[in-house]
N, C-alpha and C. Protein backbone atom coordinates (compact mmCIF):
# COMPACT_ATOMS: atom_id res chain seq x y z
N UNK A 1 27.59 -183.11 4.14
CA UNK A 1 28.67 -182.39 4.87
C UNK A 1 28.65 -181.14 4.38
N UNK A 2 28.67 -180.29 5.60
CA UNK A 2 28.52 -178.77 5.59
C UNK A 2 29.97 -178.24 5.59
N UNK A 3 30.17 -177.08 5.02
CA UNK A 3 31.50 -176.34 5.03
C UNK A 3 32.15 -176.35 6.22
N UNK A 4 31.67 -176.02 7.31
CA UNK A 4 32.52 -176.08 8.49
C UNK A 4 33.05 -177.34 8.95
N UNK A 5 32.36 -178.39 8.62
CA UNK A 5 33.04 -179.82 8.54
C UNK A 5 34.16 -179.97 7.86
N UNK A 6 34.11 -179.41 6.57
CA UNK A 6 35.32 -179.47 5.91
C UNK A 6 36.49 -178.79 6.17
N UNK A 7 36.28 -177.79 6.61
CA UNK A 7 37.44 -176.81 7.13
C UNK A 7 37.75 -177.24 8.57
N UNK A 8 38.22 -177.98 8.82
CA UNK A 8 38.60 -178.53 10.36
C UNK A 8 39.80 -177.76 10.46
N UNK A 9 40.07 -177.23 11.80
CA UNK A 9 41.36 -176.61 12.09
C UNK A 9 42.58 -177.42 11.80
N UNK A 10 42.52 -178.64 11.56
CA UNK A 10 43.65 -179.56 11.49
C UNK A 10 44.10 -179.30 9.74
N UNK A 11 43.24 -178.81 9.06
CA UNK A 11 43.42 -178.66 7.64
C UNK A 11 44.65 -177.59 7.52
N UNK A 12 45.42 -177.93 6.64
CA UNK A 12 46.37 -177.10 6.22
C UNK A 12 46.23 -175.85 5.75
N UNK A 13 45.14 -175.62 5.07
CA UNK A 13 44.67 -174.35 4.46
C UNK A 13 44.16 -173.39 5.80
N UNK A 14 43.52 -174.19 6.69
CA UNK A 14 42.99 -173.52 7.80
C UNK A 14 44.20 -173.13 8.85
N UNK A 15 45.13 -173.85 8.86
CA UNK A 15 46.43 -173.31 9.63
C UNK A 15 46.91 -172.17 9.11
N UNK A 16 47.07 -172.23 7.70
CA UNK A 16 47.71 -171.24 6.95
C UNK A 16 46.97 -169.77 7.06
N UNK A 17 45.61 -169.84 7.27
CA UNK A 17 44.76 -168.67 7.63
C UNK A 17 45.17 -168.00 8.96
N UNK A 18 45.10 -168.95 9.85
CA UNK A 18 45.14 -168.82 11.24
C UNK A 18 46.86 -168.22 11.38
N UNK A 19 47.97 -168.88 10.66
CA UNK A 19 49.15 -168.36 10.87
C UNK A 19 49.29 -167.08 10.40
N UNK A 20 48.69 -166.78 9.14
CA UNK A 20 48.81 -165.46 8.81
C UNK A 20 48.03 -164.37 9.41
N UNK A 21 47.02 -164.81 10.05
CA UNK A 21 46.25 -163.73 10.93
C UNK A 21 47.05 -163.55 12.27
N UNK A 22 48.05 -164.40 12.49
CA UNK A 22 48.95 -164.31 13.76
C UNK A 22 50.17 -163.20 13.54
N UNK A 23 50.45 -162.95 12.32
CA UNK A 23 51.50 -162.35 11.78
C UNK A 23 51.52 -161.05 12.44
N UNK A 24 52.61 -160.44 13.37
CA UNK A 24 52.40 -159.27 13.95
C UNK A 24 52.58 -158.13 12.78
N UNK A 25 53.09 -158.47 11.82
CA UNK A 25 53.03 -157.39 10.66
C UNK A 25 51.91 -156.86 10.01
N UNK A 26 50.81 -157.78 10.18
CA UNK A 26 49.56 -157.45 9.39
C UNK A 26 48.42 -157.72 10.35
N UNK A 27 48.59 -158.02 11.60
CA UNK A 27 47.64 -158.03 12.65
C UNK A 27 47.31 -156.71 13.29
N UNK A 28 46.64 -155.79 12.60
CA UNK A 28 46.53 -154.52 13.06
C UNK A 28 45.08 -154.14 12.95
N UNK A 29 44.26 -154.83 12.17
CA UNK A 29 42.92 -154.64 11.94
C UNK A 29 42.19 -156.09 12.44
N UNK A 30 40.86 -155.95 11.92
CA UNK A 30 39.67 -156.94 12.03
C UNK A 30 39.92 -158.00 11.11
N UNK A 31 39.86 -159.38 11.51
CA UNK A 31 40.02 -160.40 10.45
C UNK A 31 38.47 -160.57 10.06
N UNK A 32 38.33 -160.68 8.93
CA UNK A 32 36.95 -160.56 8.29
C UNK A 32 36.79 -162.04 7.13
N UNK A 33 35.75 -162.69 7.15
CA UNK A 33 35.60 -163.78 6.16
C UNK A 33 34.30 -163.48 5.58
N UNK A 34 34.38 -163.82 4.19
CA UNK A 34 33.02 -163.67 3.56
C UNK A 34 33.08 -164.84 2.44
N UNK A 35 31.97 -165.57 2.12
CA UNK A 35 31.79 -166.52 1.13
C UNK A 35 30.99 -165.92 -0.03
N UNK A 36 31.82 -166.02 -1.22
CA UNK A 36 31.16 -165.31 -2.43
C UNK A 36 31.18 -166.25 -3.45
N UNK A 37 30.44 -166.09 -4.62
CA UNK A 37 30.39 -166.81 -5.76
C UNK A 37 31.86 -166.59 -6.59
N UNK A 38 32.23 -167.73 -7.15
CA UNK A 38 33.63 -167.32 -8.15
C UNK A 38 33.09 -166.69 -9.19
N UNK A 39 33.94 -166.34 -10.25
CA UNK A 39 33.66 -165.87 -11.26
C UNK A 39 35.08 -166.14 -12.49
N UNK A 40 34.63 -165.81 -13.77
CA UNK A 40 35.67 -166.11 -14.60
C UNK A 40 37.05 -165.05 -14.34
N UNK A 41 38.17 -165.69 -14.74
CA UNK A 41 39.22 -164.68 -14.08
C UNK A 41 39.14 -163.09 -14.47
N UNK A 42 39.31 -162.38 -13.43
CA UNK A 42 38.88 -161.05 -13.43
C UNK A 42 38.31 -160.46 -12.04
N UNK A 43 37.33 -159.73 -12.04
CA UNK A 43 36.80 -159.13 -11.06
C UNK A 43 35.88 -160.24 -10.32
N UNK A 44 35.76 -160.06 -8.88
CA UNK A 44 35.05 -160.82 -7.94
C UNK A 44 34.45 -159.67 -6.95
N UNK A 45 33.42 -160.08 -6.85
CA UNK A 45 32.71 -158.93 -5.67
C UNK A 45 32.75 -159.39 -4.51
N UNK A 46 33.27 -158.73 -3.53
CA UNK A 46 33.15 -159.07 -2.15
C UNK A 46 32.83 -157.49 -1.49
N UNK A 47 31.61 -157.73 -1.04
CA UNK A 47 30.76 -156.50 -0.66
C UNK A 47 31.55 -155.67 0.42
N UNK A 48 32.23 -156.16 1.37
CA UNK A 48 32.67 -155.43 2.47
C UNK A 48 34.04 -155.13 2.45
N UNK A 49 34.90 -155.65 1.50
CA UNK A 49 36.32 -155.18 1.52
C UNK A 49 36.55 -153.93 0.99
N UNK A 50 37.62 -153.37 1.64
CA UNK A 50 37.95 -151.88 1.13
C UNK A 50 39.57 -151.96 0.44
N UNK A 51 39.54 -150.96 -0.43
CA UNK A 51 41.06 -150.89 -1.01
C UNK A 51 42.20 -150.88 -0.08
N UNK A 52 42.11 -150.28 1.17
CA UNK A 52 43.22 -150.16 2.12
C UNK A 52 43.30 -151.46 2.93
N UNK A 53 42.43 -152.68 2.72
CA UNK A 53 42.46 -153.61 3.66
C UNK A 53 43.61 -154.59 3.12
N UNK A 54 43.77 -155.57 3.68
CA UNK A 54 44.86 -156.45 3.62
C UNK A 54 44.29 -157.91 3.32
N UNK A 55 44.60 -158.27 2.04
CA UNK A 55 44.10 -159.66 1.66
C UNK A 55 44.60 -160.77 2.36
N UNK A 56 44.11 -161.65 3.05
CA UNK A 56 44.91 -162.60 3.56
C UNK A 56 44.70 -163.87 3.12
N UNK A 57 43.71 -164.37 2.71
CA UNK A 57 43.61 -165.74 1.93
C UNK A 57 42.31 -165.78 0.96
N UNK A 58 42.49 -166.50 -0.39
CA UNK A 58 41.22 -166.65 -1.09
C UNK A 58 41.33 -168.16 -1.39
N UNK A 59 40.10 -168.74 -0.87
CA UNK A 59 40.14 -170.33 -0.98
C UNK A 59 38.91 -170.61 -1.79
N UNK A 60 39.37 -171.59 -2.76
CA UNK A 60 38.22 -172.06 -3.61
C UNK A 60 37.50 -173.25 -3.00
N UNK A 61 36.26 -173.48 -2.85
CA UNK A 61 35.41 -174.41 -2.20
C UNK A 61 34.79 -174.92 -3.45
N UNK A 62 35.04 -176.28 -3.62
CA UNK A 62 34.13 -177.30 -4.42
C UNK A 62 33.23 -178.13 -3.56
N UNK A 63 31.83 -177.72 -3.62
CA UNK A 63 30.73 -178.26 -2.92
C UNK A 63 30.58 -179.80 -3.30
N UNK A 64 30.88 -180.29 -4.40
CA UNK A 64 30.71 -181.61 -4.74
C UNK A 64 31.86 -182.57 -4.37
N UNK A 65 32.82 -182.14 -3.78
CA UNK A 65 34.01 -182.83 -3.24
C UNK A 65 34.66 -182.17 -2.09
N UNK A 66 35.51 -182.71 -1.39
CA UNK A 66 36.22 -181.96 -0.28
C UNK A 66 37.39 -181.00 -0.80
N UNK A 67 37.43 -180.70 -2.07
CA UNK A 67 38.65 -180.02 -2.47
C UNK A 67 38.70 -178.59 -2.01
N UNK A 68 39.53 -178.13 -1.50
CA UNK A 68 39.86 -176.66 -0.99
C UNK A 68 41.40 -176.35 -1.71
N UNK A 69 41.22 -175.20 -2.67
CA UNK A 69 42.37 -174.87 -3.30
C UNK A 69 42.70 -173.44 -2.92
N UNK A 70 43.94 -173.07 -2.67
CA UNK A 70 44.35 -171.81 -2.26
C UNK A 70 44.87 -171.11 -3.81
N UNK A 71 43.97 -169.90 -3.76
CA UNK A 71 44.58 -168.91 -4.87
C UNK A 71 44.77 -167.73 -4.37
N UNK A 72 45.31 -167.63 -3.22
CA UNK A 72 45.64 -166.24 -2.73
C UNK A 72 46.58 -165.45 -3.36
N UNK A 73 47.63 -166.23 -4.01
CA UNK A 73 48.72 -165.55 -4.78
C UNK A 73 48.29 -164.82 -6.01
N UNK A 74 46.89 -165.37 -6.51
CA UNK A 74 46.44 -164.86 -7.69
C UNK A 74 45.69 -163.56 -7.54
N UNK A 75 45.21 -163.22 -6.38
CA UNK A 75 44.36 -162.12 -6.18
C UNK A 75 44.86 -161.05 -5.45
N UNK A 76 44.27 -159.79 -5.73
CA UNK A 76 44.63 -158.55 -5.15
C UNK A 76 43.33 -157.74 -4.91
N UNK A 77 43.24 -156.71 -4.02
CA UNK A 77 42.15 -156.04 -3.91
C UNK A 77 42.28 -154.67 -4.77
N UNK A 78 41.40 -154.43 -5.72
CA UNK A 78 41.71 -153.48 -6.62
C UNK A 78 40.83 -152.43 -6.61
N UNK A 79 39.84 -152.36 -5.81
CA UNK A 79 38.89 -151.18 -5.62
C UNK A 79 37.89 -151.84 -4.37
N UNK A 80 37.35 -150.92 -3.77
CA UNK A 80 36.22 -151.28 -2.76
C UNK A 80 35.35 -152.13 -3.10
N UNK A 81 35.01 -153.34 -2.69
CA UNK A 81 34.24 -154.50 -3.08
C UNK A 81 34.56 -155.28 -4.18
N UNK A 82 35.81 -155.21 -4.54
CA UNK A 82 36.47 -155.98 -5.74
C UNK A 82 37.90 -156.52 -5.20
N UNK A 83 37.95 -157.74 -5.46
CA UNK A 83 39.29 -158.64 -5.67
C UNK A 83 39.33 -159.04 -7.15
N UNK A 84 40.64 -159.28 -7.57
CA UNK A 84 40.74 -159.33 -9.06
C UNK A 84 41.80 -160.34 -9.28
N UNK A 85 41.70 -161.16 -10.25
CA UNK A 85 42.93 -162.10 -10.76
C UNK A 85 42.81 -162.24 -12.06
N UNK A 86 42.85 -160.84 -12.83
CA UNK A 86 42.96 -161.12 -14.09
C UNK A 86 44.24 -161.81 -14.77
N UNK A 87 43.83 -162.86 -15.53
CA UNK A 87 44.84 -163.62 -16.17
C UNK A 87 45.17 -164.95 -15.38
N UNK A 88 44.33 -164.87 -14.23
CA UNK A 88 44.43 -166.12 -13.43
C UNK A 88 43.62 -167.19 -13.70
N UNK A 89 43.29 -168.03 -12.58
CA UNK A 89 42.44 -169.16 -12.72
C UNK A 89 40.81 -168.69 -12.67
N UNK A 90 40.00 -169.41 -13.50
CA UNK A 90 38.50 -169.07 -13.40
C UNK A 90 38.16 -169.87 -12.32
N UNK A 91 37.29 -169.20 -11.28
CA UNK A 91 36.63 -169.93 -10.23
C UNK A 91 35.16 -170.01 -10.66
N UNK A 92 34.71 -169.78 -11.74
CA UNK A 92 33.10 -169.39 -12.01
C UNK A 92 32.21 -170.57 -11.83
N UNK A 93 32.70 -171.84 -11.48
CA UNK A 93 31.76 -173.04 -10.99
C UNK A 93 32.01 -173.35 -9.57
N UNK A 94 32.57 -172.30 -8.84
CA UNK A 94 32.91 -172.70 -7.39
C UNK A 94 32.64 -171.38 -6.45
N UNK A 95 32.65 -171.76 -5.09
CA UNK A 95 32.64 -170.75 -4.39
C UNK A 95 34.10 -170.26 -3.81
N UNK A 96 34.02 -169.10 -3.20
CA UNK A 96 35.26 -168.72 -2.72
C UNK A 96 35.12 -168.27 -1.47
N UNK A 97 36.11 -168.57 -0.42
CA UNK A 97 36.16 -168.16 1.18
C UNK A 97 37.21 -167.09 1.26
N UNK A 98 36.87 -165.82 1.13
CA UNK A 98 37.85 -164.56 1.24
C UNK A 98 37.94 -164.03 2.64
N UNK A 99 39.20 -164.31 2.96
CA UNK A 99 39.58 -163.59 4.39
C UNK A 99 40.61 -162.39 4.05
N UNK A 100 40.11 -161.43 5.05
CA UNK A 100 41.08 -160.25 4.95
C UNK A 100 41.00 -159.56 6.17
N UNK A 101 42.01 -158.90 6.11
CA UNK A 101 42.18 -157.91 7.50
C UNK A 101 41.73 -156.57 7.23
N UNK A 102 40.73 -156.01 7.95
CA UNK A 102 39.79 -154.81 7.73
C UNK A 102 40.31 -153.72 8.63
N UNK A 103 40.75 -152.61 8.03
CA UNK A 103 41.14 -151.67 8.83
C UNK A 103 40.24 -150.37 9.01
N UNK A 104 40.17 -149.46 10.22
CA UNK A 104 39.20 -148.47 9.98
C UNK A 104 39.67 -147.31 9.09
N UNK A 105 38.53 -146.59 8.73
CA UNK A 105 38.84 -145.57 7.59
C UNK A 105 39.17 -144.17 8.45
N UNK A 106 40.45 -144.33 8.70
CA UNK A 106 40.79 -143.07 9.18
C UNK A 106 41.69 -142.02 8.27
């Protein structure tokens, strides 16, 4: 089973991503999604994210099961290309789906 089959639109986490993306207070940029490798609690590289972007969702994906875990509340954007959850949960044996709202550099 591939990832897109696991993230059906009926899934509560998927609905949460869509609901956040429709929020008029944050819906001013382009919604971006990138899959990245997890890491021990701390910095996680997300190559295209910028410091002034808005983090929408961070979802842990476990490829050996259908488990999706929402860690959005643990993460923040701390620099261009970096999200951080220092003191949070280690995701080093999993993948992460990072969703953010990207803004033009003006």
